[in-house]
Amino acid sequence: MRFHDRVSITVEDHVAHVLLDRADKMNALDDAMFEAIVAAGQHLHAERGVRAVVLSGAGRAFCAGLDLSSLGNTSRWDGDNSLVARTHGNANRPQQAAMVWRKLPMPVIAAIHGVAFGGGLQVASGPDIRIVHPATRMAVMEVKWGLVPDMAGFALWQGNVRDDLLRELIYTHREFTGAEAQALGFATHVAEDPLAMAFALARDIAGKSPTAVRGAKSLCNRAPDMTVDQILVAESLAQQELMYSKNQMEAVRAGMERRPPEFVDP
């Protein structure tokens, strides 16, 4: 399935592969790419059988960031496209291109190679997990062009990237490598073959109870905005809903019988 001739989705064994597919432009973000990324993410919301998602880029790069040729179109953010307008829940369209992966009910794993600059780094920051090739070139690039990071980066990096390091990287737009990214907080893992590792992890997740995994992702997403008391209640409510459910009982039976579980998708 293709979206705006920029992004494709394939699904196999409960794992969806979302491919940014504008290789001739290093998957740079133009209007059609923004629309395609958001549409692909929204499509996956309704896919019952998808238990994990892998997000990657075609060609030489994950995403080179904003297509600079689009900056000359001063009317592109007028009216409903105003950056201030909340067109996608709590986000505008560019923010949703990163946030849609965090909002999906199933885990998303980004496989990052080549280049992840500016908006591309923010799109890569939306997934739950990021696997980066050590030679990847990465940067919070916006200040170089007289802008600020505005595609949900501040929300997504919070808690992962140390505050003073993040400020330095934003103010200077200094490049760093994939090998450095894990220590800085931008990567979960560094691997020579990020895509292979992403698929292996996605298949592992897809073999777990989809209702439990979705419940855990929901708690992970909500916990930073809750008090300790609210977290304790949320944990209990989620657990009460899962306990003795069909998938929970199947997980126990399969474990005791030493066989692969057969889960029902939510």
C-alpha atoms as a PDB file:
ATOM      1  CA  MET A   1       0.000   0.000   0.000  1.00  0.00           C
ATOM      2  CA  ARG A   2       1.356   3.431  -0.969  1.00  0.00           C
ATOM      3  CA  PHE A   3       0.554   6.913   0.297  1.00  0.00           C
ATOM      4  CA  HIS A   4       1.068  10.009  -1.883  1.00  0.00           C
ATOM      5  CA  ASP A   5       3.840   8.151  -3.759  1.00  0.00           C
ATOM      6  CA  ARG A   6       6.122   8.810  -0.777  1.00  0.00           C
ATOM      7  CA  VAL A   7       5.519   6.077   1.819  1.00  0.00           C
ATOM      8  CA  SER A   8       4.684   2.385   1.556  1.00  0.00           C
ATOM      9  CA  ILE A   9       3.388  -0.177   4.052  1.00  0.00           C
ATOM     10  CA  THR A  10       3.803  -3.948   3.850  1.00  0.00           C
ATOM     11  CA  VAL A  11       2.587  -6.378   6.514  1.00  0.00           C
ATOM     12  CA  GLU A  12       3.869  -9.887   7.233  1.00  0.00           C
ATOM     13  CA  ASP A  13       3.353 -12.057  10.315  1.00  0.00           C
ATOM     14  CA  HIS A  14       1.759  -9.216  12.315  1.00  0.00           C
ATOM     15  CA  VAL A  15       4.697  -6.847  11.624  1.00  0.00           C
ATOM     16  CA  ALA A  16       4.172  -3.760   9.458  1.00  0.00           C
ATOM     17  CA  HIS A  17       7.084  -2.207   7.578  1.00  0.00           C
ATOM     18  CA  VAL A  18       6.640   1.506   6.911  1.00  0.00           C
ATOM     19  CA  LEU A  19       9.156   2.682   4.308  1.00  0.00           C
ATOM     20  CA  LEU A  20       9.890   6.350   3.623  1.00  0.00           C
ATOM     21  CA  ASP A  21      10.299   5.995  -0.125  1.00  0.00           C
ATOM     22  CA  ARG A  22      11.663   9.180  -1.667  1.00  0.00           C
ATOM     23  CA  ALA A  23      15.179   7.872  -2.085  1.00  0.00           C
ATOM     24  CA  ASP A  24      16.208  10.326  -4.811  1.00  0.00           C
ATOM     25  CA  LYS A  25      15.756  13.168  -2.281  1.00  0.00           C
ATOM     26  CA  MET A  26      17.072  11.236   0.735  1.00  0.00           C
ATOM     27  CA  ASN A  27      13.454  11.055   1.946  1.00  0.00           C
ATOM     28  CA  ALA A  28      13.375  14.803   2.574  1.00  0.00           C
ATOM     29  CA  LEU A  29      10.157  16.236   3.990  1.00  0.00           C
ATOM     30  CA  ASP A  30       8.028  18.097   1.455  1.00  0.00           C
ATOM     31  CA  ASP A  31       4.264  18.616   1.703  1.00  0.00           C
ATOM     32  CA  ALA A  32       3.503  15.267   0.073  1.00  0.00           C
ATOM     33  CA  MET A  33       5.891  13.482   2.437  1.00  0.00           C
ATOM     34  CA  PHE A  34       4.260  15.068   5.481  1.00  0.00           C
ATOM     35  CA  GLU A  35       0.840  13.990   4.198  1.00  0.00           C
ATOM     36  CA  ALA A  36       2.087  10.481   3.411  1.00  0.00           C
ATOM     37  CA  ILE A  37       3.705   9.893   6.804  1.00  0.00           C
ATOM     38  CA  VAL A  38       0.621  11.060   8.667  1.00  0.00           C
ATOM     39  CA  ALA A  39      -1.693   9.025   6.413  1.00  0.00           C
ATOM     40  CA  ALA A  40       0.417   5.888   6.869  1.00  0.00           C
ATOM     41  CA  GLY A  41       0.370   6.264  10.630  1.00  0.00           C
ATOM     42  CA  GLN A  42      -3.362   6.884  10.708  1.00  0.00           C
ATOM     43  CA  HIS A  43      -3.942   3.833   8.491  1.00  0.00           C
ATOM     44  CA  LEU A  44      -2.128   1.630  10.989  1.00  0.00           C
ATOM     45  CA  HIS A  45      -4.424   2.770  13.808  1.00  0.00           C
ATOM     46  CA  ALA A  46      -7.193   0.685  12.276  1.00  0.00           C
ATOM     47  CA  GLU A  47      -5.101  -2.410  11.484  1.00  0.00           C
ATOM     48  CA  ARG A  48      -6.171  -5.022  14.024  1.00  0.00           C
ATOM     49  CA  GLY A  49      -3.592  -7.629  13.079  1.00  0.00           C
ATOM     50  CA  VAL A  50      -0.526  -5.386  13.316  1.00  0.00           C
ATOM     51  CA  ARG A  51       1.324  -5.974  16.591  1.00  0.00           C
ATOM     52  CA  ALA A  52       4.580  -4.124  15.862  1.00  0.00           C
ATOM     53  CA  VAL A  53       5.821  -1.606  13.297  1.00  0.00           C
ATOM     54  CA  VAL A  54       9.249  -1.052  11.731  1.00  0.00           C
ATOM     55  CA  LEU A  55       9.913   2.423  10.299  1.00  0.00           C
ATOM     56  CA  SER A  56      12.837   2.890   7.900  1.00  0.00           C
ATOM     57  CA  GLY A  57      14.030   4.948   4.956  1.00  0.00           C
ATOM     58  CA  ALA A  58      14.807   3.831   1.409  1.00  0.00           C
ATOM     59  CA  GLY A  59      18.129   4.495  -0.272  1.00  0.00           C
ATOM     60  CA  ARG A  60      21.045   6.321   1.321  1.00  0.00           C
ATOM     61  CA  ALA A  61      19.262   7.901   4.286  1.00  0.00           C
ATOM     62  CA  PHE A  62      16.523   7.592   6.848  1.00  0.00           C
ATOM     63  CA  CYS A  63      15.457  11.221   6.315  1.00  0.00           C
ATOM     64  CA  ALA A  64      17.515  14.306   5.465  1.00  0.00           C
ATOM     65  CA  GLY A  65      15.004  16.653   7.096  1.00  0.00           C
ATOM     66  CA  LEU A  66      13.003  19.464   5.554  1.00  0.00           C
ATOM     67  CA  ASP A  67      13.114  19.763   1.774  1.00  0.00           C
ATOM     68  CA  LEU A  68      14.620  23.260   1.616  1.00  0.00           C
ATOM     69  CA  SER A  69      12.988  23.980  -1.734  1.00  0.00           C
ATOM     70  CA  SER A  70       9.649  24.088   0.096  1.00  0.00           C
ATOM     71  CA  LEU A  71      10.763  27.026   2.265  1.00  0.00           C
ATOM     72  CA  GLY A  72      10.118  29.409  -0.617  1.00  0.00           C
ATOM     73  CA  ASN A  73       6.384  28.683  -0.525  1.00  0.00           C
ATOM     74  CA  THR A  74       5.320  31.280   2.048  1.00  0.00           C
ATOM     75  CA  SER A  75       1.617  30.440   1.683  1.00  0.00           C
ATOM     76  CA  ARG A  76       2.030  26.749   2.522  1.00  0.00           C
ATOM     77  CA  TRP A  77       1.132  27.317   6.197  1.00  0.00           C
ATOM     78  CA  ASP A  78      -1.866  29.618   5.683  1.00  0.00           C
ATOM     79  CA  GLY A  79      -5.424  28.927   6.899  1.00  0.00           C
ATOM     80  CA  ASP A  80      -6.001  25.359   8.099  1.00  0.00           C
ATOM     81  CA  ASN A  81      -2.300  24.626   7.559  1.00  0.00           C
ATOM     82  CA  SER A  82      -1.218  27.269  10.067  1.00  0.00           C
ATOM     83  CA  LEU A  83       1.407  25.910  12.410  1.00  0.00           C
ATOM     84  CA  VAL A  84      -0.630  27.178  15.339  1.00  0.00           C
ATOM     85  CA  ALA A  85      -3.741  25.231  14.262  1.00  0.00           C
ATOM     86  CA  ARG A  86      -4.158  21.899  16.075  1.00  0.00           C
ATOM     87  CA  THR A  87      -5.209  19.863  13.035  1.00  0.00           C
ATOM     88  CA  HIS A  88      -4.374  16.419  14.466  1.00  0.00           C
ATOM     89  CA  GLY A  89      -5.539  16.311  18.063  1.00  0.00           C
ATOM     90  CA  ASN A  90      -2.811  18.024  20.081  1.00  0.00           C
ATOM     91  CA  ALA A  91      -0.508  18.502  17.058  1.00  0.00           C
ATOM     92  CA  ASN A  92      -0.202  20.309  13.757  1.00  0.00           C
ATOM     93  CA  ARG A  93       0.621  18.359  10.598  1.00  0.00           C
ATOM     94  CA  PRO A  94       4.459  18.430  10.865  1.00  0.00           C
ATOM     95  CA  GLN A  95       4.282  17.518  14.554  1.00  0.00           C
ATOM     96  CA  GLN A  96       1.929  14.662  13.773  1.00  0.00           C
ATOM     97  CA  ALA A  97       4.502  13.208  11.357  1.00  0.00           C
ATOM     98  CA  ALA A  98       6.606  12.468  14.464  1.00  0.00           C
ATOM     99  CA  MET A  99       3.883  12.068  17.098  1.00  0.00           C
ATOM    100  CA  VAL A 100       1.737   9.636  15.095  1.00  0.00           C
ATOM    101  CA  TRP A 101       4.238   6.842  15.861  1.00  0.00           C
ATOM    102  CA  ARG A 102       4.069   7.525  19.592  1.00  0.00           C
ATOM    103  CA  LYS A 103       0.262   7.660  19.412  1.00  0.00           C
ATOM    104  CA  LEU A 104      -0.106   4.279  17.696  1.00  0.00           C
ATOM    105  CA  PRO A 105      -1.350   1.603  20.101  1.00  0.00           C
ATOM    106  CA  MET A 106       1.349  -0.889  19.058  1.00  0.00           C
ATOM    107  CA  PRO A 107       5.135  -0.440  19.479  1.00  0.00           C
ATOM    108  CA  VAL A 108       7.109   1.198  16.665  1.00  0.00           C
ATOM    109  CA  ILE A 109      10.822   0.590  16.027  1.00  0.00           C
ATOM    110  CA  ALA A 110      12.863   2.958  13.839  1.00  0.00           C
ATOM    111  CA  ALA A 111      15.816   1.617  11.833  1.00  0.00           C
ATOM    112  CA  ILE A 112      18.044   4.625  11.109  1.00  0.00           C
ATOM    113  CA  HIS A 113      20.925   4.831   8.653  1.00  0.00           C
ATOM    114  CA  GLY A 114      22.732   7.360   6.497  1.00  0.00           C
ATOM    115  CA  VAL A 115      21.357  10.707   7.616  1.00  0.00           C
ATOM    116  CA  ALA A 116      18.766  11.866  10.169  1.00  0.00           C
ATOM    117  CA  PHE A 117      18.828  15.654  10.240  1.00  0.00           C
ATOM    118  CA  GLY A 118      16.365  18.175  11.661  1.00  0.00           C
ATOM    119  CA  GLY A 119      12.825  17.046  11.001  1.00  0.00           C
ATOM    120  CA  GLY A 120      14.148  13.630  10.034  1.00  0.00           C
ATOM    121  CA  LEU A 121      15.636  13.223  13.502  1.00  0.00           C
ATOM    122  CA  GLN A 122      12.314  14.264  15.016  1.00  0.00           C
ATOM    123  CA  VAL A 123      10.390  11.725  12.889  1.00  0.00           C
ATOM    124  CA  ALA A 124      12.904   9.110  14.078  1.00  0.00           C
ATOM    125  CA  SER A 125      12.261  10.181  17.681  1.00  0.00           C
ATOM    126  CA  GLY A 126       8.536   9.368  17.541  1.00  0.00           C
ATOM    127  CA  PRO A 127       8.915   5.569  17.588  1.00  0.00           C
ATOM    128  CA  ASP A 128       9.237   3.727  20.891  1.00  0.00           C
ATOM    129  CA  ILE A 129      12.677   2.333  20.039  1.00  0.00           C
ATOM    130  CA  ARG A 130      15.485   3.566  17.751  1.00  0.00           C
ATOM    131  CA  ILE A 131      18.207   1.357  16.259  1.00  0.00           C
ATOM    132  CA  VAL A 132      20.965   3.366  14.559  1.00  0.00           C
ATOM    133  CA  HIS A 133      23.878   2.468  12.310  1.00  0.00           C
ATOM    134  CA  PRO A 134      27.136   3.724  13.883  1.00  0.00           C
ATOM    135  CA  ALA A 135      28.061   5.790  10.804  1.00  0.00           C
ATOM    136  CA  THR A 136      24.732   7.635  10.664  1.00  0.00           C
ATOM    137  CA  ARG A 137      25.065  11.419  10.588  1.00  0.00           C
ATOM    138  CA  MET A 138      22.597  13.093  12.955  1.00  0.00           C
ATOM    139  CA  ALA A 139      21.901  16.674  14.019  1.00  0.00           C
ATOM    140  CA  VAL A 140      19.246  18.931  15.512  1.00  0.00           C
ATOM    141  CA  MET A 141      19.598  21.147  12.461  1.00  0.00           C
ATOM    142  CA  GLU A 142      16.890  23.812  12.690  1.00  0.00           C
ATOM    143  CA  VAL A 143      18.931  26.704  14.159  1.00  0.00           C
ATOM    144  CA  LYS A 144      21.217  26.488  11.105  1.00  0.00           C
ATOM    145  CA  TRP A 145      18.257  27.676   9.010  1.00  0.00           C
ATOM    146  CA  GLY A 146      17.115  30.293  11.528  1.00  0.00           C
ATOM    147  CA  LEU A 147      14.395  28.051  12.975  1.00  0.00           C
ATOM    148  CA  VAL A 148      13.709  26.057  16.128  1.00  0.00           C
ATOM    149  CA  PRO A 149      12.881  22.336  16.395  1.00  0.00           C
ATOM    150  CA  ASP A 150       9.099  22.296  16.022  1.00  0.00           C
ATOM    151  CA  MET A 151       8.117  18.741  15.041  1.00  0.00           C
ATOM    152  CA  ALA A 152       7.513  17.508  18.605  1.00  0.00           C
ATOM    153  CA  GLY A 153      11.231  17.126  19.335  1.00  0.00           C
ATOM    154  CA  PHE A 154      11.063  18.913  22.668  1.00  0.00           C
ATOM    155  CA  ALA A 155       8.291  16.564  23.806  1.00  0.00           C
ATOM    156  CA  LEU A 156       9.910  13.405  22.440  1.00  0.00           C
ATOM    157  CA  TRP A 157      13.485  14.053  23.624  1.00  0.00           C
ATOM    158  CA  GLN A 158      12.402  14.947  27.156  1.00  0.00           C
ATOM    159  CA  GLY A 159      13.513  12.202  29.500  1.00  0.00           C
ATOM    160  CA  ASN A 160      15.867  10.650  26.934  1.00  0.00           C
ATOM    161  CA  VAL A 161      18.383  13.433  26.239  1.00  0.00           C
ATOM    162  CA  ARG A 162      20.034  15.261  29.122  1.00  0.00           C
ATOM    163  CA  ASP A 163      18.837  18.860  29.223  1.00  0.00           C
ATOM    164  CA  ASP A 164      22.199  20.599  28.963  1.00  0.00           C
ATOM    165  CA  LEU A 165      23.347  18.326  26.121  1.00  0.00           C
ATOM    166  CA  LEU A 166      20.117  18.923  24.247  1.00  0.00           C
ATOM    167  CA  ARG A 167      20.532  22.679  24.588  1.00  0.00           C
ATOM    168  CA  GLU A 168      24.082  22.490  23.251  1.00  0.00           C
ATOM    169  CA  LEU A 169      23.050  20.352  20.269  1.00  0.00           C
ATOM    170  CA  ILE A 170      20.129  22.663  19.451  1.00  0.00           C
ATOM    171  CA  TYR A 171      22.091  25.920  19.790  1.00  0.00           C
ATOM    172  CA  THR A 172      25.089  24.705  17.753  1.00  0.00           C
ATOM    173  CA  HIS A 173      23.406  22.215  15.360  1.00  0.00           C
ATOM    174  CA  ARG A 174      26.538  20.111  15.877  1.00  0.00           C
ATOM    175  CA  GLU A 175      26.572  16.828  14.001  1.00  0.00           C
ATOM    176  CA  PHE A 176      27.009  13.595  15.915  1.00  0.00           C
ATOM    177  CA  THR A 177      27.286  10.019  14.744  1.00  0.00           C
ATOM    178  CA  GLY A 178      25.120   7.019  15.318  1.00  0.00           C
ATOM    179  CA  ALA A 179      27.934   5.622  17.446  1.00  0.00           C
ATOM    180  CA  GLU A 180      27.496   8.627  19.777  1.00  0.00           C
ATOM    181  CA  ALA A 181      23.703   8.646  19.654  1.00  0.00           C
ATOM    182  CA  GLN A 182      23.133   6.011  22.299  1.00  0.00           C
ATOM    183  CA  ALA A 183      25.224   7.823  24.919  1.00  0.00           C
ATOM    184  CA  LEU A 184      23.505  11.116  24.045  1.00  0.00           C
ATOM    185  CA  GLY A 185      20.026   9.583  24.399  1.00  0.00           C
ATOM    186  CA  PHE A 186      18.898   9.632  20.753  1.00  0.00           C
ATOM    187  CA  ALA A 187      19.330   5.884  20.150  1.00  0.00           C
ATOM    188  CA  THR A 188      18.224   2.756  21.972  1.00  0.00           C
ATOM    189  CA  HIS A 189      20.746   0.505  20.231  1.00  0.00           C
ATOM    190  CA  VAL A 190      23.615   0.918  17.760  1.00  0.00           C
ATOM    191  CA  ALA A 191      23.900  -1.855  15.141  1.00  0.00           C
ATOM    192  CA  GLU A 192      25.680  -2.568  11.887  1.00  0.00           C
ATOM    193  CA  ASP A 193      22.367  -3.720  10.382  1.00  0.00           C
ATOM    194  CA  PRO A 194      19.653  -1.607  12.017  1.00  0.00           C
ATOM    195  CA  LEU A 195      16.867  -2.938   9.789  1.00  0.00           C
ATOM    196  CA  ALA A 196      17.628  -6.586  10.562  1.00  0.00           C
ATOM    197  CA  MET A 197      17.767  -5.850  14.286  1.00  0.00           C
ATOM    198  CA  ALA A 198      14.527  -3.837  14.086  1.00  0.00           C
ATOM    199  CA  PHE A 199      12.701  -6.701  12.389  1.00  0.00           C
ATOM    200  CA  ALA A 200      14.065  -9.244  14.870  1.00  0.00           C
ATOM    201  CA  LEU A 201      12.846  -7.108  17.761  1.00  0.00           C
ATOM    202  CA  ALA A 202       9.486  -6.456  16.065  1.00  0.00           C
ATOM    203  CA  ARG A 203       8.935 -10.192  15.521  1.00  0.00           C
ATOM    204  CA  ASP A 204       9.776 -10.829  19.172  1.00  0.00           C
ATOM    205  CA  ILE A 205       7.221  -8.221  20.275  1.00  0.00           C
ATOM    206  CA  ALA A 206       4.639  -9.569  17.806  1.00  0.00           C
ATOM    207  CA  GLY A 207       4.861 -12.951  19.535  1.00  0.00           C
ATOM    208  CA  LYS A 208       3.715 -11.487  22.850  1.00  0.00           C
ATOM    209  CA  SER A 209       0.127 -10.835  23.953  1.00  0.00           C
ATOM    210  CA  PRO A 210      -0.999  -7.843  21.849  1.00  0.00           C
ATOM    211  CA  THR A 211      -3.393  -6.652  24.536  1.00  0.00           C
ATOM    212  CA  ALA A 212      -0.646  -6.692  27.182  1.00  0.00           C
ATOM    213  CA  VAL A 213       1.835  -4.903  24.890  1.00  0.00           C
ATOM    214  CA  ARG A 214      -0.717  -2.248  23.968  1.00  0.00           C
ATOM    215  CA  GLY A 215      -1.607  -1.777  27.620  1.00  0.00           C
ATOM    216  CA  ALA A 216       2.065  -1.391  28.509  1.00  0.00           C
ATOM    217  CA  LYS A 217       2.629   1.177  25.733  1.00  0.00           C
ATOM    218  CA  SER A 218      -0.374   3.159  26.927  1.00  0.00           C
ATOM    219  CA  LEU A 219       1.049   3.261  30.456  1.00  0.00           C
ATOM    220  CA  CYS A 220       4.486   4.269  29.146  1.00  0.00           C
ATOM    221  CA  ASN A 221       2.916   7.115  27.172  1.00  0.00           C
ATOM    222  CA  ARG A 222       0.754   8.419  30.018  1.00  0.00           C
ATOM    223  CA  ALA A 223       3.059   7.990  33.003  1.00  0.00           C
ATOM    224  CA  PRO A 224       5.199  11.137  32.458  1.00  0.00           C
ATOM    225  CA  ASP A 225       2.094  13.322  32.754  1.00  0.00           C
ATOM    226  CA  MET A 226       0.719  11.648  35.891  1.00  0.00           C
ATOM    227  CA  THR A 227       1.461  11.894  39.586  1.00  0.00           C
ATOM    228  CA  VAL A 228       2.696   8.841  41.465  1.00  0.00           C
ATOM    229  CA  ASP A 229      -0.797   8.294  42.860  1.00  0.00           C
ATOM    230  CA  GLN A 230      -2.308   8.456  39.365  1.00  0.00           C
ATOM    231  CA  ILE A 231       0.279   6.017  38.010  1.00  0.00           C
ATOM    232  CA  LEU A 232      -0.511   3.489  40.731  1.00  0.00           C
ATOM    233  CA  VAL A 233      -4.217   3.642  39.908  1.00  0.00           C
ATOM    234  CA  ALA A 234      -3.569   3.441  36.151  1.00  0.00           C
ATOM    235  CA  GLU A 235      -1.402   0.328  36.625  1.00  0.00           C
ATOM    236  CA  SER A 236      -4.121  -1.335  38.659  1.00  0.00           C
ATOM    237  CA  LEU A 237      -6.867  -0.519  36.170  1.00  0.00           C
ATOM    238  CA  ALA A 238      -4.820  -1.814  33.243  1.00  0.00           C
ATOM    239  CA  GLN A 239      -3.943  -4.993  35.115  1.00  0.00           C
ATOM    240  CA  GLN A 240      -7.538  -5.622  36.178  1.00  0.00           C
ATOM    241  CA  GLU A 241      -8.632  -5.368  32.539  1.00  0.00           C
ATOM    242  CA  LEU A 242      -6.015  -7.883  31.402  1.00  0.00           C
ATOM    243  CA  MET A 243      -6.243 -10.392  34.228  1.00  0.00           C
ATOM    244  CA  TYR A 244      -8.116 -13.592  33.267  1.00  0.00           C
ATOM    245  CA  SER A 245      -8.727 -12.235  29.758  1.00  0.00           C
ATOM    246  CA  LYS A 246      -8.491 -14.640  26.815  1.00  0.00           C
ATOM    247  CA  ASN A 247      -4.990 -13.526  25.838  1.00  0.00           C
ATOM    248  CA  GLN A 248      -3.705 -13.532  29.400  1.00  0.00           C
ATOM    249  CA  MET A 249      -4.942 -17.070  29.974  1.00  0.00           C
ATOM    250  CA  GLU A 250      -3.490 -18.157  26.630  1.00  0.00           C
ATOM    251  CA  ALA A 251      -0.094 -16.715  27.626  1.00  0.00           C
ATOM    252  CA  VAL A 252      -0.154 -18.799  30.820  1.00  0.00           C
ATOM    253  CA  ARG A 253      -1.327 -21.980  29.090  1.00  0.00           C
ATOM    254  CA  ALA A 254       1.215 -21.665  26.285  1.00  0.00           C
ATOM    255  CA  GLY A 255       3.994 -21.103  28.788  1.00  0.00           C
ATOM    256  CA  MET A 256       3.010 -24.124  30.856  1.00  0.00           C
ATOM    257  CA  GLU A 257       2.578 -26.302  27.748  1.00  0.00           C
ATOM    258  CA  ARG A 258       5.813 -25.005  26.181  1.00  0.00           C
ATOM    259  CA  ARG A 259       4.198 -24.132  22.863  1.00  0.00           C
ATOM    260  CA  PRO A 260       3.830 -20.928  20.813  1.00  0.00           C
ATOM    261  CA  PRO A 261       0.811 -18.932  21.994  1.00  0.00           C
ATOM    262  CA  GLU A 262      -2.149 -18.216  19.742  1.00  0.00           C
ATOM    263  CA  PHE A 263      -3.344 -14.725  20.621  1.00  0.00           C
ATOM    264  CA  VAL A 264      -6.447 -12.855  19.505  1.00  0.00           C
ATOM    265  CA  ASP A 265      -5.812  -9.361  18.153  1.00  0.00           C
ATOM    266  CA  PRO A 266      -7.713  -6.541  19.889  1.00  0.00           C
END
